[in-house]
N, C-alpha and C. Protein backbone atom coordinates (compact mmCIF):
# COMPACT_ATOMS: atom_id res chain seq x y z
N MET A 1 12.76 -9.03 15.15
CA MET A 1 11.55 -10.36 14.95
C MET A 1 11.35 -10.74 15.91
N ILE A 2 9.96 -11.04 15.81
CA ILE A 2 8.67 -11.17 17.18
C ILE A 2 10.32 -12.74 17.78
N ASP A 3 9.98 -12.60 18.71
CA ASP A 3 10.62 -14.19 18.87
C ASP A 3 9.03 -15.08 19.44
N GLN A 4 9.86 -16.41 18.82
CA GLN A 4 9.07 -17.81 18.46
C GLN A 4 7.90 -17.77 20.28
N ASP A 5 8.86 -17.49 21.47
CA ASP A 5 7.74 -17.35 22.91
C ASP A 5 6.76 -16.66 22.17
N ILE A 6 7.04 -15.42 21.99
CA ILE A 6 6.07 -14.69 22.20
C ILE A 6 5.19 -15.46 21.03
N ILE A 7 5.08 -15.41 19.80
CA ILE A 7 3.99 -16.13 19.25
C ILE A 7 3.28 -16.97 19.78
N ASP A 8 4.26 -18.11 20.63
CA ASP A 8 2.98 -19.67 21.25
C ASP A 8 2.05 -19.01 22.36
N ALA A 9 2.31 -18.10 22.82
CA ALA A 9 2.40 -16.79 24.33
C ALA A 9 0.63 -16.71 23.29
N CYS A 10 0.77 -15.99 22.38
CA CYS A 10 -0.40 -15.06 21.56
C CYS A 10 -1.76 -16.25 21.26
N ARG A 11 -1.07 -17.67 21.14
CA ARG A 11 -1.67 -18.66 20.87
C ARG A 11 -2.70 -18.82 21.77
N LYS A 12 -1.87 -18.59 23.02
CA LYS A 12 -2.68 -19.17 24.05
C LYS A 12 -3.42 -18.00 24.83
N ASN A 13 -3.47 -16.75 24.21
CA ASN A 13 -4.35 -15.68 23.61
C ASN A 13 -3.65 -15.08 25.59
N ASP A 14 -2.43 -15.02 25.63
CA ASP A 14 -1.45 -14.17 26.77
C ASP A 14 -1.72 -12.71 26.24
N ARG A 15 -2.44 -12.27 27.63
CA ARG A 15 -2.18 -10.40 26.34
C ARG A 15 -1.24 -9.76 26.62
N ARG A 16 -0.38 -9.80 27.73
CA ARG A 16 0.68 -9.59 27.24
C ARG A 16 1.57 -9.90 26.19
N ALA A 17 1.13 -10.68 25.63
CA ALA A 17 2.28 -11.33 24.49
C ALA A 17 2.09 -10.93 23.24
N GLN A 18 0.30 -10.67 23.57
CA GLN A 18 -0.04 -9.89 21.84
C GLN A 18 0.25 -8.76 22.35
N GLU A 19 0.28 -7.57 23.46
CA GLU A 19 0.77 -6.37 23.57
C GLU A 19 1.81 -6.36 22.97
N LYS A 20 3.18 -7.09 23.61
CA LYS A 20 3.97 -7.02 22.52
C LYS A 20 4.26 -7.26 21.22
N MET A 21 3.38 -8.12 20.60
CA MET A 21 3.28 -8.80 19.64
C MET A 21 2.86 -7.17 18.67
N TYR A 22 2.08 -6.86 19.25
CA TYR A 22 1.10 -5.89 18.30
C TYR A 22 2.31 -5.00 18.46
N GLU A 23 3.17 -3.89 19.21
CA GLU A 23 3.74 -3.10 19.28
C GLU A 23 4.84 -3.47 17.84
N TRP A 24 5.61 -4.59 17.68
CA TRP A 24 6.50 -4.67 16.59
C TRP A 24 5.61 -5.02 15.32
N TYR A 25 4.20 -5.64 15.73
CA TYR A 25 3.49 -5.59 14.60
C TYR A 25 3.05 -3.93 13.88
N TYR A 26 3.25 -2.95 14.50
CA TYR A 26 2.58 -1.62 14.99
C TYR A 26 3.64 -0.80 13.98
N VAL A 27 4.59 -1.15 14.42
CA VAL A 27 6.41 -0.81 14.08
C VAL A 27 6.09 -0.98 12.06
N LYS A 28 6.21 -2.22 11.94
CA LYS A 28 6.74 -3.34 10.81
C LYS A 28 5.59 -2.25 9.99
N LEU A 29 4.61 -2.31 10.42
CA LEU A 29 3.38 -2.19 9.11
C LEU A 29 2.79 -1.34 8.73
N MET A 30 2.30 -0.24 10.20
CA MET A 30 1.64 1.23 9.63
C MET A 30 2.37 1.40 8.94
N PRO A 31 3.70 1.67 8.17
CA PRO A 31 4.19 2.65 7.19
C PRO A 31 2.97 2.18 5.60
N THR A 32 2.65 0.33 5.70
CA THR A 32 2.38 -0.42 4.71
C THR A 32 0.82 0.24 4.92
N CYS A 33 -0.02 0.41 6.46
CA CYS A 33 -1.50 1.00 5.89
C CYS A 33 -1.05 2.20 5.73
N MET A 34 -0.47 2.81 5.95
CA MET A 34 -0.34 4.52 5.80
C MET A 34 -0.68 4.50 3.68
N ARG A 35 0.42 3.69 3.38
CA ARG A 35 0.60 3.68 1.90
C ARG A 35 -0.67 3.33 1.25
N TYR A 36 -1.93 2.71 1.96
CA TYR A 36 -3.34 2.59 1.09
C TYR A 36 -4.27 3.46 1.61
N HIS A 37 -4.09 4.25 2.61
CA HIS A 37 -4.84 5.10 3.44
C HIS A 37 -4.66 7.11 3.41
N ARG A 38 -5.35 7.66 3.16
CA ARG A 38 -4.94 8.78 3.36
C ARG A 38 -4.84 9.68 4.95
N ASN A 39 -5.28 9.07 5.93
CA ASN A 39 -4.98 9.32 7.63
C ASN A 39 -4.81 8.43 8.56
N GLU A 40 -4.17 8.45 9.13
CA GLU A 40 -3.59 7.63 10.19
C GLU A 40 -4.75 7.11 10.65
N GLU A 41 -5.86 7.73 11.06
CA GLU A 41 -7.13 6.65 11.31
C GLU A 41 -7.82 5.39 11.08
N ASP A 42 -7.67 6.02 9.52
CA ASP A 42 -8.35 4.59 8.59
C ASP A 42 -7.05 3.58 8.15
N ALA A 43 -6.03 3.50 8.75
CA ALA A 43 -4.49 3.35 8.23
C ALA A 43 -4.65 2.34 9.28
N ARG A 44 -4.84 2.93 10.95
CA ARG A 44 -4.69 2.76 12.35
C ARG A 44 -6.14 1.51 12.23
N GLY A 45 -7.52 1.61 11.85
CA GLY A 45 -8.23 0.83 11.66
C GLY A 45 -7.93 -0.50 10.96
N ILE A 46 -7.50 -0.66 9.67
CA ILE A 46 -7.27 -1.69 9.19
C ILE A 46 -5.71 -2.53 9.55
N LEU A 47 -5.61 -1.43 10.45
CA LEU A 47 -3.97 -2.56 11.04
C LEU A 47 -4.50 -3.30 11.83
N ASN A 48 -5.55 -2.85 12.40
CA ASN A 48 -6.01 -3.16 13.84
C ASN A 48 -6.75 -4.52 13.25
N LEU A 49 -7.14 -4.21 12.22
CA LEU A 49 -8.07 -5.62 11.63
C LEU A 49 -7.13 -6.64 11.54
N GLY A 50 -6.31 -6.35 10.76
CA GLY A 50 -5.32 -7.06 10.06
C GLY A 50 -4.82 -7.88 11.84
N PHE A 51 -3.81 -7.33 12.46
CA PHE A 51 -4.12 -7.96 13.76
C PHE A 51 -4.96 -9.27 14.58
N VAL A 52 -6.22 -8.52 14.20
CA VAL A 52 -7.01 -9.81 14.54
C VAL A 52 -6.79 -10.95 14.16
N LYS A 53 -7.04 -10.68 12.20
CA LYS A 53 -6.51 -11.75 11.73
C LYS A 53 -5.08 -12.27 12.32
N ILE A 54 -4.70 -12.00 12.35
CA ILE A 54 -3.20 -12.84 12.55
C ILE A 54 -3.27 -13.13 14.06
N CYS A 55 -3.67 -12.86 14.85
CA CYS A 55 -4.14 -13.59 16.40
C CYS A 55 -4.86 -14.33 16.25
N LYS A 56 -5.66 -14.70 14.95
CA LYS A 56 -6.68 -15.46 14.84
C LYS A 56 -6.50 -17.20 14.30
N ASN A 57 -5.19 -16.40 13.33
CA ASN A 57 -4.79 -17.59 12.37
C ASN A 57 -3.17 -17.79 13.10
N LEU A 58 -2.87 -17.78 13.96
CA LEU A 58 -1.33 -18.29 14.26
C LEU A 58 -1.42 -19.64 14.39
N ASP A 59 -2.30 -20.10 14.59
CA ASP A 59 -2.34 -21.78 14.44
C ASP A 59 -2.52 -22.13 13.04
N LYS A 60 -2.09 -21.32 11.64
CA LYS A 60 -2.65 -21.76 10.89
C LYS A 60 -1.10 -22.13 9.88
N ILE A 61 -0.22 -20.86 10.85
CA ILE A 61 1.31 -19.96 10.42
C ILE A 61 1.88 -22.12 10.03
N LYS A 62 2.21 -21.97 8.74
CA LYS A 62 3.04 -23.37 8.26
C LYS A 62 4.43 -23.05 8.84
N PRO A 63 5.00 -24.50 9.57
CA PRO A 63 6.67 -24.58 9.86
C PRO A 63 7.51 -24.10 8.10
N ASN A 64 8.46 -23.42 8.87
CA ASN A 64 9.14 -22.33 8.22
C ASN A 64 8.86 -21.25 7.49
N THR A 65 7.63 -21.12 7.41
CA THR A 65 7.35 -19.76 6.82
C THR A 65 7.03 -18.49 7.41
N PRO A 66 8.60 -17.38 6.57
CA PRO A 66 9.09 -16.71 8.04
C PRO A 66 7.79 -15.93 8.38
N PHE A 67 7.88 -15.45 9.44
CA PHE A 67 6.08 -14.85 10.24
C PHE A 67 5.92 -13.88 9.54
N GLU A 68 7.56 -12.08 9.60
CA GLU A 68 6.58 -11.13 9.07
C GLU A 68 6.31 -11.09 7.57
N ALA A 69 6.89 -11.79 6.74
CA ALA A 69 6.15 -12.16 5.62
C ALA A 69 4.83 -12.86 5.78
N TRP A 70 4.39 -13.40 6.49
CA TRP A 70 3.07 -13.66 6.44
C TRP A 70 2.34 -12.58 7.37
N VAL A 71 2.71 -11.97 8.18
CA VAL A 71 2.04 -11.07 8.29
C VAL A 71 2.40 -9.68 7.95
N ARG A 72 2.55 -9.49 7.03
CA ARG A 72 2.57 -8.44 5.91
C ARG A 72 1.75 -8.98 4.45
N ARG A 73 1.51 -10.11 4.21
CA ARG A 73 1.19 -10.84 3.34
C ARG A 73 -0.82 -10.41 4.09
N ILE A 74 -1.14 -10.42 5.32
CA ILE A 74 -2.12 -10.89 5.93
C ILE A 74 -3.07 -9.47 6.06
N THR A 75 -1.98 -8.46 6.40
CA THR A 75 -2.17 -7.12 6.17
C THR A 75 -2.55 -6.36 4.62
N ILE A 76 -1.83 -6.98 4.13
CA ILE A 76 -1.90 -6.27 2.44
C ILE A 76 -3.04 -7.08 2.05
N ASN A 77 -4.01 -8.66 2.21
CA ASN A 77 -5.16 -8.84 2.11
C ASN A 77 -6.14 -8.44 2.79
N THR A 78 -6.42 -8.17 3.73
CA THR A 78 -6.77 -7.20 4.99
C THR A 78 -7.26 -5.95 4.30
N ILE A 79 -6.75 -5.19 3.81
CA ILE A 79 -6.58 -4.00 2.90
C ILE A 79 -7.16 -3.40 1.98
N ILE A 80 -6.76 -4.88 1.32
CA ILE A 80 -8.01 -6.06 0.02
C ILE A 80 -9.18 -5.96 0.12
N ASP A 81 -9.09 -6.88 1.39
CA ASP A 81 -11.02 -7.09 1.58
C ASP A 81 -11.20 -5.94 1.87
N GLU A 82 -11.02 -5.07 2.50
CA GLU A 82 -11.25 -3.62 2.86
C GLU A 82 -12.29 -3.19 1.86
N PHE A 83 -11.31 -2.74 0.56
CA PHE A 83 -11.10 -2.21 -0.26
C PHE A 83 -12.95 -2.77 -1.20
N ARG A 84 -12.58 -3.92 -0.92
CA ARG A 84 -13.98 -4.12 -1.90
C ARG A 84 -14.53 -4.08 -1.15
N LYS A 85 -15.30 -4.28 -0.11
CA LYS A 85 -16.01 -4.17 0.31
C LYS A 85 -16.89 -2.83 1.28
N ASN A 86 -15.32 -1.98 0.50
CA ASN A 86 -16.70 -0.89 0.47
C ASN A 86 -15.82 0.15 -1.30
N LYS A 87 -16.04 -0.31 -2.69
CA LYS A 87 -15.53 0.25 -3.32
C LYS A 87 -17.02 0.36 -4.04
N ASN A 88 -17.85 0.19 -4.00
CA ASN A 88 -19.53 0.77 -3.94
C ASN A 88 -19.07 2.14 -4.00
N TYR A 89 -17.91 2.82 -2.47
CA TYR A 89 -18.61 4.09 -2.68
C TYR A 89 -17.49 5.13 -3.55
N ILE A 90 -15.99 4.11 -4.19
CA ILE A 90 -14.97 4.81 -4.70
C ILE A 90 -15.13 4.77 -6.24
N GLN A 91 -15.17 5.67 -6.61
CA GLN A 91 -15.35 6.17 -8.17
C GLN A 91 -14.17 5.16 -9.24
N LEU A 92 -14.74 3.98 -9.53
CA LEU A 92 -13.81 3.50 -10.70
C LEU A 92 -13.59 4.48 -11.75
N VAL A 93 -13.17 4.41 -12.99
CA VAL A 93 -12.32 4.39 -14.42
C VAL A 93 -12.89 3.93 -15.24
N ASP A 94 -13.80 3.95 -15.96
CA ASP A 94 -14.45 3.06 -16.78
C ASP A 94 -13.32 2.53 -17.73
N SER A 95 -12.99 0.79 -17.74
CA SER A 95 -11.88 0.07 -18.34
C SER A 95 -12.28 0.36 -19.72
N LYS A 96 -12.63 0.98 -20.27
CA LYS A 96 -12.29 1.55 -21.64
C LYS A 96 -11.86 2.42 -22.79
N GLU A 97 -10.35 1.96 -21.45
CA GLU A 97 -9.39 2.71 -22.14
C GLU A 97 -8.71 1.61 -23.37
N THR A 98 -7.61 2.33 -24.18
CA THR A 98 -6.71 1.90 -25.43
C THR A 98 -5.69 1.96 -25.57
N ASP A 99 -4.76 0.79 -25.66
CA ASP A 99 -3.39 1.13 -25.61
C ASP A 99 -3.03 1.76 -25.76
N ARG A 100 -3.38 2.94 -26.88
CA ARG A 100 -2.68 3.59 -26.74
C ARG A 100 -2.69 5.04 -25.85
N GLU A 101 -3.70 5.01 -25.12
CA GLU A 101 -4.21 6.22 -24.08
C GLU A 101 -3.25 5.34 -23.09
N LEU A 102 -2.81 4.28 -22.80
CA LEU A 102 -1.73 4.41 -21.88
C LEU A 102 -0.13 4.60 -21.95
N GLU A 103 -0.20 4.25 -23.63
CA GLU A 103 1.53 4.22 -23.81
C GLU A 103 1.42 6.10 -23.81
N ILE A 104 0.47 7.04 -23.87
CA ILE A 104 0.56 8.32 -23.58
C ILE A 104 1.06 8.75 -21.98
N HIS A 105 0.59 7.89 -21.28
CA HIS A 105 1.05 7.78 -19.90
C HIS A 105 1.44 7.64 -19.29
N VAL A 106 2.50 6.83 -19.84
CA VAL A 106 3.62 5.30 -19.23
C VAL A 106 5.04 6.54 -18.68
N LYS A 107 5.62 7.00 -19.37
CA LYS A 107 6.31 7.77 -18.93
C LYS A 107 6.71 7.63 -17.69
N THR A 108 8.26 7.18 -17.49
CA THR A 108 8.89 7.51 -15.89
C THR A 108 9.63 8.35 -15.05
N VAL A 109 9.17 8.47 -13.72
CA VAL A 109 9.74 9.36 -13.72
C VAL A 109 11.13 9.34 -12.82
N GLU A 110 11.94 10.04 -13.17
CA GLU A 110 13.64 10.59 -13.51
C GLU A 110 13.51 9.50 -11.96
N ASN A 111 14.45 8.51 -12.03
CA ASN A 111 15.44 8.13 -10.64
C ASN A 111 15.68 9.05 -9.81
N SER A 112 16.57 9.75 -10.47
CA SER A 112 17.38 11.09 -9.58
C SER A 112 16.87 11.28 -8.73
N VAL A 113 15.01 12.40 -9.30
CA VAL A 113 14.40 12.90 -8.06
C VAL A 113 13.85 12.26 -7.97
N TRP A 114 13.49 10.81 -7.40
CA TRP A 114 12.80 9.96 -6.79
C TRP A 114 14.42 9.99 -5.34
N SER A 115 15.28 9.60 -5.46
CA SER A 115 16.33 9.81 -4.59
C SER A 115 16.42 10.29 -4.36
N LYS A 116 15.99 12.21 -4.68
CA LYS A 116 16.27 13.37 -3.68
C LYS A 116 15.05 13.15 -3.21
N LEU A 117 13.70 12.82 -2.60
CA LEU A 117 12.86 13.22 -2.59
C LEU A 117 12.75 11.83 -0.56
N GLU A 118 12.30 13.22 0.21
CA GLU A 118 12.06 12.49 1.84
C GLU A 118 10.90 11.05 1.56
N MET A 119 11.43 10.40 2.04
CA MET A 119 9.97 9.44 2.72
C MET A 119 8.51 10.26 2.97
N ASP A 120 9.07 11.44 3.75
CA ASP A 120 7.79 11.90 3.75
C ASP A 120 7.73 12.71 3.13
N VAL A 121 7.74 13.42 2.26
CA VAL A 121 6.96 14.06 1.09
C VAL A 121 6.52 12.82 0.08
N LEU A 122 7.48 12.07 0.15
CA LEU A 122 6.78 11.14 -1.16
C LEU A 122 5.21 10.45 -0.51
N MET A 123 4.89 9.88 0.65
CA MET A 123 4.10 9.46 1.27
C MET A 123 3.18 10.47 0.92
N GLY A 124 3.50 11.98 0.97
CA GLY A 124 2.22 12.90 1.18
C GLY A 124 1.91 12.89 -0.77
N MET A 125 2.44 12.61 -1.46
CA MET A 125 1.95 12.54 -2.44
C MET A 125 1.38 11.32 -2.92
N LEU A 126 1.74 10.61 -1.95
CA LEU A 126 0.96 9.43 -2.37
C LEU A 126 -0.49 9.45 -2.10
N LYS A 127 -0.53 9.96 -0.91
CA LYS A 127 -1.60 9.91 -0.15
C LYS A 127 -2.57 11.43 -1.32
N LYS A 128 -2.19 12.36 -2.17
CA LYS A 128 -2.49 13.07 -2.94
C LYS A 128 -3.58 11.85 -4.14
N LEU A 129 -3.00 11.04 -4.81
CA LEU A 129 -3.61 9.96 -5.66
C LEU A 129 -5.02 9.63 -5.16
N PRO A 130 -5.64 9.79 -6.12
CA PRO A 130 -7.15 9.26 -5.72
C PRO A 130 -7.19 7.57 -5.25
N ASP A 131 -8.28 6.79 -4.73
CA ASP A 131 -7.80 5.92 -3.39
C ASP A 131 -7.12 4.67 -4.97
N ILE A 132 -8.12 4.09 -6.05
CA ILE A 132 -8.16 3.01 -6.26
C ILE A 132 -6.65 3.12 -7.07
N SER A 133 -5.96 4.18 -8.22
CA SER A 133 -4.45 4.18 -8.59
C SER A 133 -3.89 4.12 -7.50
N ARG A 134 -3.76 4.98 -6.36
CA ARG A 134 -3.23 4.56 -5.08
C ARG A 134 -3.10 3.56 -4.78
N LYS A 135 -3.92 2.72 -4.60
CA LYS A 135 -3.68 1.16 -4.48
C LYS A 135 -2.81 0.26 -5.39
N VAL A 136 -3.75 0.57 -6.81
CA VAL A 136 -2.87 0.15 -7.73
C VAL A 136 -1.21 0.25 -7.70
N PHE A 137 -0.63 1.40 -7.63
CA PHE A 137 0.32 1.38 -7.41
C PHE A 137 1.10 1.44 -6.22
N ASN A 138 0.58 1.39 -5.30
CA ASN A 138 1.33 0.23 -4.68
C ASN A 138 1.40 -1.32 -4.20
N LEU A 139 0.45 -1.71 -5.27
CA LEU A 139 0.40 -2.94 -4.91
C LEU A 139 1.30 -3.50 -6.37
N TYR A 140 1.81 -2.52 -7.30
CA TYR A 140 2.79 -2.96 -7.71
C TYR A 140 3.63 -2.88 -8.23
N VAL A 141 3.98 -1.20 -7.61
CA VAL A 141 5.72 -0.73 -7.47
C VAL A 141 5.95 -1.44 -6.19
N ILE A 142 5.56 -1.42 -5.02
CA ILE A 142 6.00 -1.03 -3.65
C ILE A 142 5.42 -2.58 -3.30
N ASP A 143 4.58 -3.54 -3.49
CA ASP A 143 4.33 -4.84 -3.22
C ASP A 143 4.30 -5.55 -3.99
N GLY A 144 4.80 -5.51 -5.32
CA GLY A 144 5.26 -6.13 -6.45
C GLY A 144 4.46 -7.18 -6.82
N TYR A 145 3.06 -6.80 -6.98
CA TYR A 145 2.31 -7.55 -7.70
C TYR A 145 2.15 -7.56 -9.14
N THR A 146 1.55 -8.04 -9.73
CA THR A 146 1.55 -8.07 -11.92
C THR A 146 0.15 -7.45 -11.88
N HIS A 147 -0.33 -6.91 -12.91
CA HIS A 147 -1.81 -6.40 -13.20
C HIS A 147 -2.62 -7.14 -13.58
N LYS A 148 -2.26 -8.66 -13.76
CA LYS A 148 -3.11 -9.94 -13.62
C LYS A 148 -4.04 -10.16 -11.94
N GLU A 149 -2.70 -10.32 -11.22
CA GLU A 149 -3.06 -10.13 -9.93
C GLU A 149 -4.17 -8.78 -9.11
N ILE A 150 -3.25 -7.72 -9.76
CA ILE A 150 -4.31 -6.57 -9.11
C ILE A 150 -5.95 -7.15 -10.12
N GLY A 151 -5.71 -7.12 -10.59
CA GLY A 151 -7.45 -6.95 -11.42
C GLY A 151 -8.20 -7.95 -10.32
N ASN A 152 -7.41 -9.47 -10.32
CA ASN A 152 -8.61 -9.96 -9.30
C ASN A 152 -8.26 -9.50 -7.95
N LEU A 153 -7.06 -9.07 -7.58
CA LEU A 153 -7.48 -8.43 -6.12
C LEU A 153 -8.79 -7.75 -6.49
N LEU A 154 -8.80 -6.19 -6.69
CA LEU A 154 -9.79 -5.09 -6.95
C LEU A 154 -11.01 -5.16 -7.94
N ASP A 155 -11.05 -6.32 -8.05
CA ASP A 155 -11.95 -7.22 -9.01
C ASP A 155 -12.29 -5.53 -10.90
N ILE A 156 -11.33 -5.76 -10.65
CA ILE A 156 -10.74 -4.76 -12.28
C ILE A 156 -10.29 -5.75 -13.55
N SER A 157 -10.36 -4.95 -14.70
CA SER A 157 -9.48 -5.92 -15.56
C SER A 157 -8.53 -5.08 -15.75
N ASP A 158 -6.99 -6.63 -16.60
CA ASP A 158 -5.86 -5.80 -16.13
C ASP A 158 -6.12 -4.56 -16.93
N GLY A 159 -6.34 -4.15 -17.67
CA GLY A 159 -6.28 -2.94 -18.48
C GLY A 159 -6.42 -1.65 -17.58
N THR A 160 -8.44 -1.66 -17.05
CA THR A 160 -7.56 -0.51 -15.85
C THR A 160 -7.10 -0.74 -14.99
N SER A 161 -5.71 -1.96 -14.29
CA SER A 161 -5.58 -1.64 -13.65
C SER A 161 -3.78 -0.70 -13.97
N LYS A 162 -3.92 -1.47 -15.43
CA LYS A 162 -2.22 -0.41 -16.18
C LYS A 162 -2.69 1.02 -16.03
N TRP A 163 -3.85 1.34 -16.29
CA TRP A 163 -4.56 2.56 -16.79
C TRP A 163 -4.14 3.26 -15.27
N HIS A 164 -4.13 2.60 -14.52
CA HIS A 164 -4.44 3.70 -12.77
C HIS A 164 -3.27 3.98 -12.72
N LEU A 165 -2.21 2.63 -12.53
CA LEU A 165 -0.70 2.29 -13.26
C LEU A 165 -0.36 3.88 -13.51
N SER A 166 -0.34 4.23 -14.51
CA SER A 166 -0.08 4.74 -15.53
C SER A 166 -0.74 6.56 -14.93
N ASN A 167 -1.64 6.50 -14.79
CA ASN A 167 -2.41 7.79 -13.71
C ASN A 167 -1.67 7.73 -12.67
N ALA A 168 -1.15 7.28 -12.42
CA ALA A 168 -0.63 7.15 -10.41
C ALA A 168 0.92 7.63 -11.31
N ARG A 169 1.55 7.62 -11.53
CA ARG A 169 2.83 7.73 -12.58
C ARG A 169 2.43 9.15 -12.62
N LYS A 170 1.32 9.58 -13.86
CA LYS A 170 1.42 10.69 -14.78
C LYS A 170 1.06 12.35 -13.24
N LEU A 171 0.53 11.64 -12.10
CA LEU A 171 0.18 12.33 -10.56
C LEU A 171 1.51 12.37 -10.42
N LEU A 172 1.97 11.70 -10.26
CA LEU A 172 2.98 12.04 -9.24
C LEU A 172 3.98 12.79 -10.23
N ARG A 173 4.53 12.66 -11.18
CA ARG A 173 5.81 13.36 -12.07
C ARG A 173 5.15 14.36 -12.05
N GLU A 174 4.18 15.36 -12.31
CA GLU A 174 3.28 16.27 -12.11
C GLU A 174 4.08 16.70 -10.61
N MET A 175 3.57 16.40 -9.59
CA MET A 175 3.94 16.86 -8.00
C MET A 175 5.34 17.07 -8.09
N VAL A 176 6.10 15.85 -8.99
CA VAL A 176 7.95 16.27 -8.73
C VAL A 176 8.19 17.43 -9.54
N ASN A 177 7.85 17.56 -10.61
CA ASN A 177 7.82 19.07 -11.24
C ASN A 177 7.60 20.05 -10.25
N LYS A 178 5.87 20.08 -10.25
CA LYS A 178 5.89 21.19 -9.21
C LYS A 178 6.60 21.37 -7.76
N LEU A 179 7.53 20.69 -7.50
CA LEU A 179 8.18 20.57 -6.19
C LEU A 179 9.37 21.50 -6.74
N LYS A 180 9.54 20.50 -8.11
CA LYS A 180 11.48 21.30 -8.42
C LYS A 180 11.49 22.58 -8.74
N MET A 181 9.81 22.79 -9.45
CA MET A 181 9.85 23.81 -10.28
C MET A 181 9.70 25.09 -8.39
N SER A 182 9.16 24.98 -7.34
CA SER A 182 9.14 25.76 -6.05
C SER A 182 10.53 25.52 -5.53
N GLU A 183 11.66 24.29 -5.73
CA GLU A 183 12.35 24.88 -5.09
C GLU A 183 13.68 25.70 -6.22
N ASN A 184 13.72 25.53 -7.12
CA ASN A 184 14.15 27.17 -7.66
C ASN A 184 14.11 27.88 -8.22
N ARG A 185 12.65 27.79 -7.69
CA ARG A 185 11.67 29.40 -7.06
C ARG A 185 12.97 29.66 -6.02
N GLU A 186 12.97 29.36 -5.15
CA GLU A 186 13.71 29.28 -3.53
C GLU A 186 14.75 29.28 -3.69
N MET A 187 15.36 28.82 -5.15
CA MET A 187 17.00 29.28 -5.25
C MET A 187 17.07 29.99 -5.71
N TRP A 188 16.44 31.63 -6.58
CA TRP A 188 16.70 32.32 -6.79
C TRP A 188 15.56 33.35 -6.24
N VAL A 189 15.61 33.33 -5.03
CA VAL A 189 14.39 34.59 -3.90
C VAL A 189 15.92 34.97 -3.17
């Protein structure tokens, strides 16, 4: 947990305090940024943008607001803001999918398989997802947003958000199945 004295010193632009806060911030939030970006450089860039926003807005934090929750929210909002700026470069799936199409893809991955995966394997799988599907998956499954909120944040329809979640689950399920098959082959070799 970050010390209140460090936060107060950061408000006064104390460079040493900002360095300590950055070190704390980096350890806590780099994994979040990595979930949304395929490479460390892009994730670090977003992390740095978020850190600048945090330093500029320290005076705006309300009393009794948990600092870690506040910085996490700013980081996620920064990720979303950058996505919005760059969304012209990202190919979006047409939002004309039907409920029937969603039902076909909505099977979930077995919990027992997830519990066996190491975090780095899971992170590697997430990085292989298409950008928009990965963002929707992270926002819905990991960060707890609703499809309506995701739709508003990413400027897509609720249905498109559901489709991307379904697509991400389907692709992850396929990756897990391939992993299981390769492990089974190794057992018999």
